[in-house]
């Protein structure tokens, strides 16, 4: 009798799931009109939809590498939705790979879903899952929105680390909002490495150090990690050089230790040195300007009780150090080094002495992030205002990501800007290019600012940390600006102290000066707003001092909006914050003066 109840209970649950799925719309990422699978450098050349290498190299790379390139490590799909439940069903190629003795099934063949909320904060999503011929993940009990609007949030789906995905569908209720997002256009971090880079032994795909680093830097990342096969192979280096990258990472030493020399036909340290040199020089010849980061073997955690293991990692690290010093002496620029100590693995950071646990993966990512921020000149500070982050607070008026994408396109077009104005909605909704839904005084902008080559690079609801992200992600790249005007921080007033606002502005001004050293930069004080007049007056005095410290100009334009009592003149505002048409016409004259002086 008990077995009968169990049987009918299973049938009921299955029917209930099938019935709920009947109300779902299912989306196949590989059939979309534009590229949505991020992490593929050769998306239009792959044999199978979720491969990592182009099919044209099937006979050029080692067969082991080709097989591993079928694994979807590093691939990620982004979309937006306000669904309360998200379901994913897919099939993997190899059932045996689901059960590796030192790595969880959820890492080998599972998925991982992260949300990016409207304030740009990263949130992990838990799922119910079943593994069978068809694997299913069900993400339920999701809050559909974050409080700003009803258009949900961004989601990032990480694919299996050690298995091939044959097909996949993502499902949401047919009544809810669902929007696939295109692959981001920023230059990627490109990583060539071993099983550790591929993701062993993360408990889930989002915990691979490459995935963590991609989120921390908020950049696309191409994962060319191949288990047991990251060995400075020239065919792989050749492929790397085809990718326009932000930085190249070479993390191959764990597969170049003495235990593997016989397989690689390496006789001695000199031949190892020549192999490393050849790989670096090949990459540098084809990509002379892109930074290259060499990474040491992070060590074996059992080395304290095994002299043999200690010698193995020490030997390859010493050889690569010699290569680095020789290349620097020869004048090679933009080559950098990450040491074992900077990664900082400890005794309990690995599963088996070499492959990191999630804790070890986090340490790997932290060491990489610190180094990359230094190399790429993208530092952070202490306050939240110094941590670059995106936002999605006002989609009913404009799409934040699309505006960023359009600005990148304009910067690299024949019609690049002469001057730019960085700000928030106060300037964004004035007018200009790129155009937006709300344009309160488009005519005045077109008449007075467009002929002077001024571009409106302001975003509604932006805070200091959002503008810092935009500067770090290319909005000042590709052209030489004559003048840059910055007025940002009013949206920080209700959540940050004056000290935090000043810290963020200091970091922001440094970032702008590094990227546009010849430009005339003007930091503009915050405009007065209802109930904040006194605080803004004090803060603007401190902002003026900051401008002097970093050797840029300062201008306070707020006086044109104040009455005799030093309160805002409501006649010039629509809501106590945003100018109305009269206010913009008043602002026009003082902004024009900044441009033509």
Protein backbone atom coordinates (compact mmCIF):
# COMPACT_ATOMS: atom_id res chain seq x y z
CA UNK A 1 0.00 0.00 0.00
CA UNK A 2 2.84 2.37 0.88
CA UNK A 3 4.45 1.78 -2.53
CA UNK A 4 1.16 2.56 -4.26
CA UNK A 5 0.90 5.90 -2.48
CA UNK A 6 4.50 6.69 -3.45
CA UNK A 7 3.79 5.77 -7.07
CA UNK A 8 0.64 7.91 -7.31
CA UNK A 9 2.40 10.72 -5.47
CA UNK A 10 5.15 10.67 -8.11
CA UNK A 11 2.56 10.67 -10.93
CA UNK A 12 0.71 13.61 -9.33
CA UNK A 13 3.89 15.66 -8.92
CA UNK A 14 4.93 14.91 -12.50
CA UNK A 15 1.52 15.95 -13.84
CA UNK A 16 1.56 19.11 -11.71
CA UNK A 17 5.01 20.05 -13.04
CA UNK A 18 3.93 19.33 -16.62
CA UNK A 19 0.79 21.41 -16.15
CA UNK A 20 2.76 24.34 -14.77
CA UNK A 21 5.27 24.03 -17.61
CA UNK A 22 2.43 24.27 -20.12
CA UNK A 23 2.01 27.90 -19.08
CA UNK A 24 5.67 28.59 -19.76
CA UNK A 25 7.31 30.08 -22.83
CA UNK A 26 10.63 28.44 -23.65
CA UNK A 27 13.60 30.19 -25.22
CA UNK A 28 16.51 28.52 -27.01
CA UNK A 29 19.65 30.72 -26.75
CA UNK A 30 21.23 29.20 -29.86
CA UNK A 31 18.28 30.19 -32.04
CA UNK A 32 18.22 33.86 -31.09
CA UNK A 33 18.58 36.61 -33.68
CA UNK A 34 21.74 38.03 -32.11
CA UNK A 35 24.64 36.53 -30.17
CA UNK A 36 23.72 35.85 -26.55
CA UNK A 37 26.28 33.22 -25.46
CA UNK A 38 29.07 35.18 -23.81
CA UNK A 39 32.57 33.67 -23.50
CA UNK A 40 32.85 32.46 -27.11
CA UNK A 41 35.55 34.25 -29.06
CA UNK A 42 34.60 32.47 -32.31
CA UNK A 43 30.82 32.12 -31.94
CA UNK A 44 30.24 32.06 -35.71
CA UNK A 45 32.87 29.35 -36.33
CA UNK A 46 31.99 26.69 -33.76
CA UNK A 47 30.95 23.19 -34.73
CA UNK A 48 28.44 22.84 -31.89
CA UNK A 49 26.57 25.75 -30.35
CA UNK A 50 28.30 25.65 -26.97
CA UNK A 51 31.88 24.91 -28.12
CA UNK A 52 34.78 27.16 -27.12
CA UNK A 53 37.15 26.78 -30.09
CA UNK A 54 36.51 27.25 -33.83
CA UNK A 55 36.09 24.09 -35.88
CA UNK A 56 38.87 25.12 -38.28
CA UNK A 57 41.51 24.18 -35.67
CA UNK A 58 40.23 20.64 -35.04
CA UNK A 59 43.35 19.20 -36.73
CA UNK A 60 45.75 21.85 -35.39
CA UNK A 61 45.30 21.61 -31.64
CA UNK A 62 45.98 18.54 -29.52
CA UNK A 63 43.02 16.07 -29.56
CA UNK A 64 42.77 16.37 -25.78
CA UNK A 65 42.41 20.14 -26.06
CA UNK A 66 39.82 19.76 -28.79
CA UNK A 67 37.75 17.43 -26.62
CA UNK A 68 37.94 19.78 -23.64
CA UNK A 69 36.97 22.73 -25.83
CA UNK A 70 33.56 21.08 -26.11
CA UNK A 71 33.06 21.74 -22.39
CA UNK A 72 31.13 24.95 -21.78
CA UNK A 73 33.47 26.34 -19.10
CA UNK A 74 33.27 30.12 -18.98
CA UNK A 75 30.15 30.41 -21.12
CA UNK A 76 27.43 32.63 -19.72
CA UNK A 77 23.99 33.82 -20.88
CA UNK A 78 22.41 37.09 -19.77
CA UNK A 79 18.74 38.04 -19.78
CA UNK A 80 16.27 40.26 -17.97
CA UNK A 81 13.00 39.13 -16.44
CA UNK A 82 10.46 39.89 -13.75
CA UNK A 83 9.52 36.23 -13.42
CA UNK A 84 8.77 34.72 -10.03
CA UNK A 85 10.07 31.39 -11.32
CA UNK A 86 12.72 30.56 -13.90
CA UNK A 87 13.16 27.02 -15.20
CA UNK A 88 15.97 25.63 -17.29
CA UNK A 89 16.11 22.27 -19.01
CA UNK A 90 19.10 20.94 -20.91
CA UNK A 91 21.06 17.89 -21.89
CA UNK A 92 24.78 17.19 -21.51
CA UNK A 93 26.91 14.93 -23.66
CA UNK A 94 28.65 12.71 -21.12
CA UNK A 95 26.80 11.25 -18.14
CA UNK A 96 30.03 9.76 -16.74
CA UNK A 97 31.52 13.23 -16.28
CA UNK A 98 28.75 14.08 -13.86
CA UNK A 99 30.39 11.89 -11.26
CA UNK A 100 34.03 12.94 -10.84
CA UNK A 101 35.48 11.71 -7.55
CA UNK A 102 36.88 15.07 -6.48
CA UNK A 103 34.36 17.55 -7.93
CA UNK A 104 30.64 17.90 -7.34
CA UNK A 105 28.10 17.14 -10.03
CA UNK A 106 26.75 20.68 -9.73
CA UNK A 107 30.18 21.99 -10.73
CA UNK A 108 30.86 19.44 -13.45
CA UNK A 109 27.47 19.45 -15.18
CA UNK A 110 25.31 21.93 -13.31
CA UNK A 111 24.24 25.51 -13.84
CA UNK A 112 24.57 28.64 -11.72
CA UNK A 113 22.33 31.71 -11.75
CA UNK A 114 23.21 35.16 -10.44
CA UNK A 115 21.00 38.22 -10.46
CA UNK A 116 22.18 41.80 -10.82
CA UNK A 117 19.59 43.97 -9.08
CA UNK A 118 18.55 47.48 -10.09
CA UNK A 119 21.31 49.01 -7.96
CA UNK A 120 23.90 46.79 -9.67
CA UNK A 121 24.39 44.49 -6.69
CA UNK A 122 25.18 40.82 -7.29
CA UNK A 123 22.73 38.29 -5.83
CA UNK A 124 22.99 34.49 -5.99
CA UNK A 125 19.89 32.41 -6.77
CA UNK A 126 19.22 28.95 -5.31
CA UNK A 127 17.53 26.21 -7.33
CA UNK A 128 15.86 22.86 -7.09
CA UNK A 129 17.49 20.47 -9.57
CA UNK A 130 17.25 16.99 -11.00
CA UNK A 131 19.93 15.13 -12.97
CA UNK A 132 18.81 12.64 -15.60
CA UNK A 133 18.73 12.32 -19.37
CA UNK A 134 17.35 15.85 -19.25
CA UNK A 135 18.70 17.99 -16.42
CA UNK A 136 16.35 20.54 -14.90
CA UNK A 137 16.95 23.56 -12.68
CA UNK A 138 13.99 25.40 -11.15
CA UNK A 139 14.58 28.80 -9.57
CA UNK A 140 11.46 29.63 -7.58
CA UNK A 141 10.28 32.13 -4.96
CA UNK A 142 12.00 34.97 -6.82
CA UNK A 143 11.01 38.54 -6.01
CA UNK A 144 9.97 39.77 -9.45
CA UNK A 145 11.16 43.37 -8.98
CA UNK A 146 13.49 45.48 -6.85
CA UNK A 147 11.26 48.44 -6.01
CA UNK A 148 12.19 50.92 -8.72
CA UNK A 149 10.01 49.58 -11.55
CA UNK A 150 8.24 46.46 -12.83
CA UNK A 151 10.84 45.40 -15.41
CA UNK A 152 12.62 42.90 -13.17
CA UNK A 153 16.38 42.61 -13.17
CA UNK A 154 19.33 41.16 -15.07
CA UNK A 155 20.24 37.47 -14.67
CA UNK A 156 23.51 35.76 -15.57
CA UNK A 157 23.45 32.02 -16.18
CA UNK A 158 26.78 30.16 -15.96
CA UNK A 159 27.05 26.89 -17.90
CA UNK A 160 28.69 23.57 -16.88
CA UNK A 161 32.45 23.56 -16.30
CA UNK A 162 33.32 20.00 -17.31
CA UNK A 163 30.64 18.81 -19.71
CA UNK A 164 29.30 19.59 -23.14
CA UNK A 165 25.83 21.11 -23.45
CA UNK A 166 23.89 19.55 -26.31
CA UNK A 167 20.80 21.75 -26.05
CA UNK A 168 19.20 24.11 -23.56
CA UNK A 169 15.95 26.00 -23.03
CA UNK A 170 15.10 28.71 -20.51
CA UNK A 171 11.46 29.03 -19.49
CA UNK A 172 9.32 31.62 -17.71
CA UNK A 173 5.58 32.14 -17.37
CA UNK A 174 4.18 33.28 -20.69
CA UNK A 175 2.67 36.40 -19.08
CA UNK A 176 5.91 37.84 -17.66
CA UNK A 177 8.60 40.06 -19.12
CA UNK A 178 11.64 38.25 -20.57
CA UNK A 179 14.38 39.88 -22.64
CA UNK A 180 17.59 38.19 -23.84
CA UNK A 181 20.63 40.46 -23.62
CA UNK A 182 23.35 40.63 -26.25
CA UNK A 183 26.97 39.78 -25.61
CA UNK A 184 28.73 42.77 -24.08
CA UNK A 185 31.06 44.70 -26.38
CA UNK A 186 33.81 45.54 -23.88
CA UNK A 187 37.18 43.92 -24.55
CA UNK A 188 37.42 40.62 -22.65
CA UNK A 189 39.89 39.22 -20.18
CA UNK A 190 41.40 36.21 -21.97
CA UNK A 191 42.69 33.37 -19.77
CA UNK A 192 44.82 30.47 -21.00
CA UNK A 193 45.43 27.87 -18.33
CA UNK A 194 44.97 24.44 -16.82
CA UNK A 195 42.20 22.51 -15.08
CA UNK A 196 42.22 25.17 -12.36
CA UNK A 197 41.31 27.84 -14.91
CA UNK A 198 38.73 25.53 -16.47
CA UNK A 199 37.08 25.36 -13.06
CA UNK A 200 38.26 22.33 -11.07
CA UNK A 201 37.08 21.89 -8.36
CA UNK A 202 34.41 24.57 -7.93
CA UNK A 203 31.15 23.34 -6.40
CA UNK A 204 29.18 25.23 -9.04
CA UNK A 205 30.10 27.12 -12.25
CA UNK A 206 29.80 30.59 -10.73
CA UNK A 207 32.44 29.70 -8.14
CA UNK A 208 35.24 29.05 -10.66
CA UNK A 209 37.84 31.77 -10.12
CA UNK A 210 37.41 32.91 -13.71
CA UNK A 211 33.66 33.39 -13.12
CA UNK A 212 34.27 35.26 -9.88
CA UNK A 213 36.88 37.48 -11.54
CA UNK A 214 34.53 38.21 -14.43
CA UNK A 215 31.90 39.40 -11.95
CA UNK A 216 34.33 41.40 -9.81
CA UNK A 217 35.78 43.22 -12.82
CA UNK A 218 32.36 43.11 -14.53
CA UNK A 219 33.94 42.28 -17.86
CA UNK A 220 33.49 39.54 -20.45
CA UNK A 221 35.99 36.73 -19.93
CA UNK A 222 37.17 34.10 -22.40
CA UNK A 223 38.07 30.88 -20.58
CA UNK A 224 40.72 28.88 -22.45
CA UNK A 225 41.44 26.61 -19.52
CA UNK A 226 42.05 22.99 -20.56
CA UNK A 227 42.43 20.30 -17.92
CA UNK A 228 45.95 18.84 -18.02
CA UNK A 229 46.63 20.66 -21.28
CA UNK A 230 47.56 24.24 -20.43
CA UNK A 231 51.14 24.01 -21.61
CA UNK A 232 52.01 27.11 -23.68
CA UNK A 233 51.00 25.28 -26.85
CA UNK A 234 51.71 27.51 -29.85
CA UNK A 235 48.43 26.61 -31.64
CA UNK A 236 46.50 27.85 -28.61
CA UNK A 237 48.69 30.95 -28.33
CA UNK A 238 47.98 31.61 -32.01
CA UNK A 239 44.26 31.42 -31.31
CA UNK A 240 44.59 33.75 -28.31
CA UNK A 241 46.29 36.33 -30.48
CA UNK A 242 43.20 36.48 -32.72
CA UNK A 243 41.16 37.90 -29.84
CA UNK A 244 41.12 41.64 -29.21
CA UNK A 245 41.59 41.53 -25.45
CA UNK A 246 41.74 43.88 -22.50
CA UNK A 247 44.47 41.68 -21.03
CA UNK A 248 45.93 38.23 -21.69
CA UNK A 249 46.47 35.89 -18.73
CA UNK A 250 48.96 33.00 -19.05
CA UNK A 251 48.48 30.60 -16.13
CA UNK A 252 50.02 27.34 -17.38
CA UNK A 253 52.72 26.39 -14.88
CA UNK A 254 50.74 23.68 -13.01
CA UNK A 255 50.84 21.61 -16.24
CA UNK A 256 54.53 22.39 -16.89
CA UNK A 257 55.94 20.86 -13.72
CA UNK A 258 58.57 18.11 -14.00
CA UNK A 259 55.96 15.35 -13.70
CA UNK A 260 54.72 16.27 -17.20
CA UNK A 261 58.06 16.89 -18.96
CA UNK A 262 58.22 13.45 -20.55
CA UNK A 263 54.78 13.88 -22.13
CA UNK A 264 55.80 17.28 -23.47
CA UNK A 265 59.26 16.08 -24.59
CA UNK A 266 60.97 18.61 -22.32
CA UNK A 267 64.46 17.47 -21.35
CA UNK A 268 65.55 20.17 -18.92
CA UNK A 269 64.90 23.64 -17.52
CA UNK A 270 66.43 25.31 -20.59
CA UNK A 271 63.85 23.67 -22.88
CA UNK A 272 61.07 24.66 -20.47
CA UNK A 273 62.36 28.22 -20.56
CA UNK A 274 62.42 28.22 -24.35
CA UNK A 275 58.86 26.91 -24.47
CA UNK A 276 57.60 29.72 -22.23
CA UNK A 277 59.61 32.33 -24.13
CA UNK A 278 58.26 31.17 -27.48
CA UNK A 279 54.67 31.39 -26.28
CA UNK A 280 55.05 34.90 -24.88
CA UNK A 281 56.96 36.24 -27.87
CA UNK A 282 54.46 34.74 -30.29
CA UNK A 283 51.61 36.47 -28.48
CA UNK A 284 53.47 39.76 -28.16
CA UNK A 285 54.43 39.82 -31.84
CA UNK A 286 50.78 39.61 -32.88
CA UNK A 287 49.43 41.80 -30.08
CA UNK A 288 52.18 44.35 -29.34
CA UNK A 289 50.17 46.64 -27.05
CA UNK A 290 47.81 44.45 -25.00
CA UNK A 291 48.97 43.72 -21.42
CA UNK A 292 50.17 40.18 -20.69
CA UNK A 293 50.01 38.74 -17.18
CA UNK A 294 52.25 35.79 -16.30
CA UNK A 295 51.06 33.75 -13.32
CA UNK A 296 53.06 31.51 -11.04
CA UNK A 297 52.17 28.01 -9.91
CA UNK A 298 50.14 28.63 -6.74
CA UNK A 299 51.80 25.65 -5.06
CA UNK A 300 50.77 22.31 -3.62
CA UNK A 301 49.18 22.53 -0.19
CA UNK A 302 50.94 19.31 0.84
CA UNK A 303 54.35 20.75 -0.07
CA UNK A 304 55.19 21.31 3.60
CA UNK A 305 55.33 17.52 4.06
CA UNK A 306 56.49 16.64 0.52
CA UNK A 307 59.85 17.92 -0.64
CA UNK A 308 59.19 16.52 -4.12
CA UNK A 309 56.06 18.62 -4.53
CA UNK A 310 57.82 21.70 -3.20
CA UNK A 311 60.59 21.30 -5.75
CA UNK A 312 58.06 20.82 -8.57
CA UNK A 313 56.32 24.16 -8.19
CA UNK A 314 59.44 26.07 -7.08
CA UNK A 315 61.32 24.93 -10.17
CA UNK A 316 58.77 26.11 -12.73
CA UNK A 317 58.23 29.37 -10.87
CA UNK A 318 61.96 30.11 -10.90
CA UNK A 319 62.19 29.38 -14.63
CA UNK A 320 59.27 31.68 -15.42
CA UNK A 321 60.76 34.41 -13.21
CA UNK A 322 63.93 34.20 -15.30
CA UNK A 323 61.87 34.57 -18.47
CA UNK A 324 60.06 37.61 -17.08
CA UNK A 325 63.27 39.37 -16.03
CA UNK A 326 64.93 38.68 -19.38
CA UNK A 327 61.96 40.06 -21.31
CA UNK A 328 61.90 43.17 -19.15
CA UNK A 329 65.63 43.69 -19.72
CA UNK A 330 65.04 43.34 -23.45
CA UNK A 331 62.54 46.20 -23.22
CA UNK A 332 59.25 44.33 -23.49
CA UNK A 333 56.51 46.58 -22.14
CA UNK A 334 53.08 45.83 -20.74
CA UNK A 335 54.09 42.50 -19.27
CA UNK A 336 53.21 41.83 -15.64
CA UNK A 337 53.62 39.12 -13.03
CA UNK A 338 51.38 37.49 -10.39
CA UNK A 339 53.27 35.54 -7.73
CA UNK A 340 52.34 32.50 -5.69
CA UNK A 341 52.33 34.67 -2.58
CA UNK A 342 49.89 37.13 -4.14
CA UNK A 343 47.45 34.27 -4.78
CA UNK A 344 48.02 33.12 -1.21
CA UNK A 345 46.58 29.61 -1.01
CA UNK A 346 46.63 28.00 2.43
CA UNK A 347 46.38 24.43 3.70
CA UNK A 348 42.61 24.05 3.45
CA UNK A 349 42.15 25.82 0.12
CA UNK A 350 42.28 22.74 -2.13
CA UNK A 351 40.41 19.49 -2.60
CA UNK A 352 43.42 17.34 -3.39
CA UNK A 353 46.50 19.51 -2.85
CA UNK A 354 46.26 21.37 -6.19
CA UNK A 355 42.64 21.97 -7.30
CA UNK A 356 40.97 24.74 -5.28
CA UNK A 357 37.87 24.44 -3.18
CA UNK A 358 35.40 27.32 -3.37
CA UNK A 359 37.49 29.03 -0.69
CA UNK A 360 40.61 28.57 -2.79
CA UNK A 361 38.79 29.84 -5.87
CA UNK A 362 37.85 33.01 -4.01
CA UNK A 363 41.49 33.54 -3.05
CA UNK A 364 42.59 33.01 -6.65
CA UNK A 365 40.02 35.56 -7.82
CA UNK A 366 40.99 38.07 -5.12
CA UNK A 367 44.67 37.85 -6.09
CA UNK A 368 43.80 38.29 -9.75
CA UNK A 369 41.41 41.18 -9.13
CA UNK A 370 43.99 43.12 -7.13
CA UNK A 371 46.60 42.65 -9.84
CA UNK A 372 44.27 43.42 -12.76
CA UNK A 373 42.96 46.56 -11.11
CA UNK A 374 46.53 47.75 -10.76
CA UNK A 375 47.48 46.85 -14.35
CA UNK A 376 44.30 48.24 -15.92
CA UNK A 377 44.25 51.30 -13.65
CA UNK A 378 40.84 50.49 -12.20
CA UNK A 379 41.39 50.88 -8.45
CA UNK A 380 38.73 50.80 -5.77
CA UNK A 381 38.68 52.38 -2.33
CA UNK A 382 36.85 51.90 0.94
CA UNK A 383 33.45 53.55 0.44
CA UNK A 384 30.72 52.17 -1.80
CA UNK A 385 31.19 55.27 -3.97
CA UNK A 386 34.59 53.86 -5.02
CA UNK A 387 33.33 50.48 -6.24
CA UNK A 388 32.34 50.69 -9.92
CA UNK A 389 28.88 49.29 -10.51
CA UNK A 390 26.05 49.36 -13.06
CA UNK A 391 22.41 50.31 -12.45
CA UNK A 392 18.95 49.64 -13.90
CA UNK A 393 16.76 52.10 -12.02
CA UNK A 394 14.83 53.85 -14.78
CA UNK A 395 14.09 51.53 -17.73
CA UNK A 396 10.78 53.24 -18.41
CA UNK A 397 12.75 56.30 -19.61
CA UNK A 398 15.90 54.75 -21.07
CA UNK A 399 17.95 51.56 -21.15
CA UNK A 400 21.18 52.07 -19.19
CA UNK A 401 23.11 49.31 -20.95
CA UNK A 402 21.96 50.37 -24.42
CA UNK A 403 23.01 53.95 -23.73
CA UNK A 404 26.46 52.75 -22.72
CA UNK A 405 26.69 50.60 -25.83
CA UNK A 406 25.70 53.58 -28.02
CA UNK A 407 28.31 55.81 -26.40
CA UNK A 408 31.03 53.25 -27.08
CA UNK A 409 29.92 53.16 -30.71
CA UNK A 410 29.96 56.95 -31.00
CA UNK A 411 33.41 57.19 -29.45
CA UNK A 412 34.88 54.98 -32.16
CA UNK A 413 32.95 56.53 -35.04
CA UNK A 414 34.08 59.23 -37.43
CA UNK A 415 31.87 61.64 -35.50
CA UNK A 416 33.60 61.29 -32.11
CA UNK A 417 32.83 64.01 -29.55
CA UNK A 418 34.95 67.10 -29.01
CA UNK A 419 33.69 67.54 -25.45
CA UNK A 420 31.54 65.50 -23.07
CA UNK A 421 29.29 66.22 -20.10
CA UNK A 422 29.12 63.49 -17.43
CA UNK A 423 26.20 63.86 -15.05
CA UNK A 424 22.86 62.39 -13.96
CA UNK A 425 19.25 63.00 -15.03
CA UNK A 426 19.56 66.76 -14.55
CA UNK A 427 21.70 66.91 -17.70
CA UNK A 428 20.57 63.63 -19.32
CA UNK A 429 17.01 64.86 -19.85
CA UNK A 430 18.07 68.23 -21.22
CA UNK A 431 18.74 67.01 -24.78
CA UNK A 432 21.60 66.23 -27.10
CA UNK A 433 23.17 63.01 -28.37
CA UNK A 434 22.65 60.18 -27.60
CA UNK A 435 18.97 61.03 -27.70
CA UNK A 436 16.57 59.85 -25.03
CA UNK A 437 12.84 59.68 -24.41
CA UNK A 438 12.72 62.79 -22.20
CA UNK A 439 14.22 65.94 -23.76
CA UNK A 440 13.08 68.98 -21.82
CA UNK A 441 15.04 71.56 -23.82
CA UNK A 442 16.32 69.80 -26.94
CA UNK A 443 16.17 72.97 -29.02
CA UNK A 444 18.53 74.93 -26.77
CA UNK A 445 21.02 72.05 -26.69
CA UNK A 446 20.91 71.68 -30.47
CA UNK A 447 21.40 75.40 -31.01
CA UNK A 448 24.13 76.13 -28.48
CA UNK A 449 25.97 72.89 -27.63
CA UNK A 450 25.81 70.57 -30.64
CA UNK A 451 27.76 73.06 -32.83
CA UNK A 452 30.46 73.10 -30.14
CA UNK A 453 30.81 69.32 -30.33
CA UNK A 454 29.40 68.63 -26.85
CA UNK A 455 27.96 65.17 -26.19
CA UNK A 456 25.50 64.44 -23.44
CA UNK A 457 27.03 61.50 -21.55
CA UNK A 458 24.73 61.88 -18.56
CA UNK A 459 22.55 59.02 -17.27
CA UNK A 460 19.36 59.37 -15.26
CA UNK A 461 19.61 58.10 -11.66
CA UNK A 462 23.39 57.70 -11.89
CA UNK A 463 25.53 57.91 -8.81
CA UNK A 464 29.28 58.42 -8.52
CA UNK A 465 29.97 54.68 -8.54
CA UNK A 466 27.93 54.25 -11.73
CA UNK A 467 29.92 56.92 -13.54
CA UNK A 468 33.14 55.34 -12.26
CA UNK A 469 32.03 52.06 -13.89
CA UNK A 470 31.38 53.86 -17.17
CA UNK A 471 34.79 55.51 -17.17
CA UNK A 472 36.47 52.17 -16.39
CA UNK A 473 34.49 50.55 -19.20
CA UNK A 474 35.48 52.72 -22.09
CA UNK A 475 33.37 55.87 -22.22
CA UNK A 476 36.52 58.00 -22.46
CA UNK A 477 38.39 55.65 -24.81
CA UNK A 478 38.85 56.00 -28.55
CA UNK A 479 39.01 59.81 -28.83
CA UNK A 480 40.75 62.88 -27.42
CA UNK A 481 38.39 65.23 -25.61
CA UNK A 482 39.03 68.96 -25.57
CA UNK A 483 36.86 69.50 -22.50
CA UNK A 484 35.24 67.17 -19.96
CA UNK A 485 32.62 68.48 -17.56
CA UNK A 486 31.55 66.40 -14.56
CA UNK A 487 28.60 67.05 -12.26
CA UNK A 488 27.73 63.96 -10.24
CA UNK A 489 26.75 63.08 -6.69
CA UNK A 490 23.26 64.43 -6.04
CA UNK A 491 21.85 60.88 -6.12
CA UNK A 492 24.38 59.91 -3.44
CA UNK A 493 23.17 62.50 -0.94
CA UNK A 494 20.49 60.30 0.65
CA UNK A 495 22.68 57.21 1.05
CA UNK A 496 26.27 58.50 1.52
CA UNK A 497 28.09 60.87 3.83
CA UNK A 498 29.92 63.89 2.44
CA UNK A 499 33.21 62.10 3.15
CA UNK A 500 32.12 59.10 1.08
CA UNK A 501 31.01 61.37 -1.77
CA UNK A 502 34.37 63.13 -1.75
CA UNK A 503 36.26 59.83 -1.73
CA UNK A 504 34.31 58.66 -4.76
CA UNK A 505 34.83 61.95 -6.60
CA UNK A 506 38.57 61.82 -5.91
CA UNK A 507 38.89 58.34 -7.41
CA UNK A 508 36.70 59.36 -10.34
CA UNK A 509 38.79 62.44 -11.15
CA UNK A 510 41.97 60.35 -11.05
CA UNK A 511 40.40 57.84 -13.46
CA UNK A 512 39.38 60.58 -15.89
CA UNK A 513 42.80 62.26 -15.82
CA UNK A 514 44.55 58.95 -16.56
CA UNK A 515 42.36 58.29 -19.60
CA UNK A 516 42.27 61.86 -20.93
CA UNK A 517 45.54 63.51 -19.79
CA UNK A 518 45.34 66.35 -22.33
CA UNK A 519 41.71 67.29 -21.70
CA UNK A 520 40.58 70.35 -19.77
CA UNK A 521 38.52 68.87 -16.94
CA UNK A 522 35.98 70.87 -14.96
CA UNK A 523 34.40 69.45 -11.82
CA UNK A 524 31.06 71.19 -11.30
CA UNK A 525 29.51 71.51 -7.86
CA UNK A 526 26.13 69.96 -7.16
CA UNK A 527 23.17 72.07 -8.15
CA UNK A 528 20.94 73.11 -5.24
CA UNK A 529 17.85 71.01 -4.58
CA UNK A 530 14.87 71.38 -2.30
CA UNK A 531 15.70 70.78 1.40
CA UNK A 532 19.40 70.16 0.66
CA UNK A 533 20.59 73.72 0.02
CA UNK A 534 22.67 74.08 3.19
CA UNK A 535 24.35 70.70 2.93
CA UNK A 536 25.15 71.20 -0.76
CA UNK A 537 26.72 74.59 -0.04
CA UNK A 538 29.13 73.03 2.47
CA UNK A 539 29.79 70.02 0.25
CA UNK A 540 30.52 72.18 -2.80
CA UNK A 541 33.17 74.05 -0.81
CA UNK A 542 34.84 70.69 -0.11
CA UNK A 543 34.48 69.66 -3.76
CA UNK A 544 36.24 72.89 -4.76
CA UNK A 545 39.11 71.99 -2.44
CA UNK A 546 39.25 68.51 -3.96
CA UNK A 547 39.49 70.00 -7.45
CA UNK A 548 42.51 72.03 -6.36
CA UNK A 549 44.14 68.93 -4.86
CA UNK A 550 43.87 66.99 -8.13
CA UNK A 551 44.76 70.03 -10.27
CA UNK A 552 41.55 70.45 -12.23
CA UNK A 553 39.11 73.34 -12.60
CA UNK A 554 36.04 73.81 -10.43
CA UNK A 555 32.82 75.68 -11.14
CA UNK A 556 29.77 76.26 -8.96
CA UNK A 557 26.74 77.04 -11.12
CA UNK A 558 24.11 76.71 -8.43
CA UNK A 559 23.84 80.39 -7.65
CA UNK A 560 21.64 80.93 -10.69
CA UNK A 561 18.88 78.86 -9.05
CA UNK A 562 18.92 80.40 -5.55
CA UNK A 563 16.74 83.16 -4.16
CA UNK A 564 17.72 85.80 -1.60
CA UNK A 565 17.20 83.32 1.26
CA UNK A 566 19.63 80.87 -0.41
CA UNK A 567 16.79 78.46 -1.09
CA UNK A 568 15.97 77.19 -4.56
CA UNK A 569 13.75 79.37 -6.69
CA UNK A 570 10.90 76.97 -7.41
CA UNK A 571 10.08 78.85 -10.62
CA UNK A 572 13.06 77.15 -12.28
CA UNK A 573 12.30 73.58 -11.16
CA UNK A 574 9.76 70.93 -12.06
CA UNK A 575 10.13 68.93 -8.84
CA UNK A 576 12.68 70.63 -6.61
CA UNK A 577 15.54 68.78 -8.32
CA UNK A 578 15.18 68.85 -12.11
CA UNK A 579 15.11 72.18 -13.94
CA UNK A 580 12.10 73.01 -16.06
CA UNK A 581 12.42 74.73 -19.44
CA UNK A 582 13.11 78.08 -17.78
CA UNK A 583 15.75 76.47 -15.61
CA UNK A 584 17.53 74.87 -18.54
CA UNK A 585 17.56 78.16 -20.43
CA UNK A 586 19.13 79.77 -17.37
CA UNK A 587 21.67 76.96 -17.08
CA UNK A 588 22.47 77.17 -20.78
CA UNK A 589 24.40 80.43 -20.53
CA UNK A 590 26.74 79.40 -17.71
CA UNK A 591 27.46 75.99 -19.28
CA UNK A 592 28.22 77.64 -22.61
CA UNK A 593 30.73 79.88 -20.85
CA UNK A 594 32.58 76.80 -19.59
CA UNK A 595 32.80 75.46 -23.14
CA UNK A 596 34.06 78.58 -24.90
CA UNK A 597 36.43 79.98 -22.26
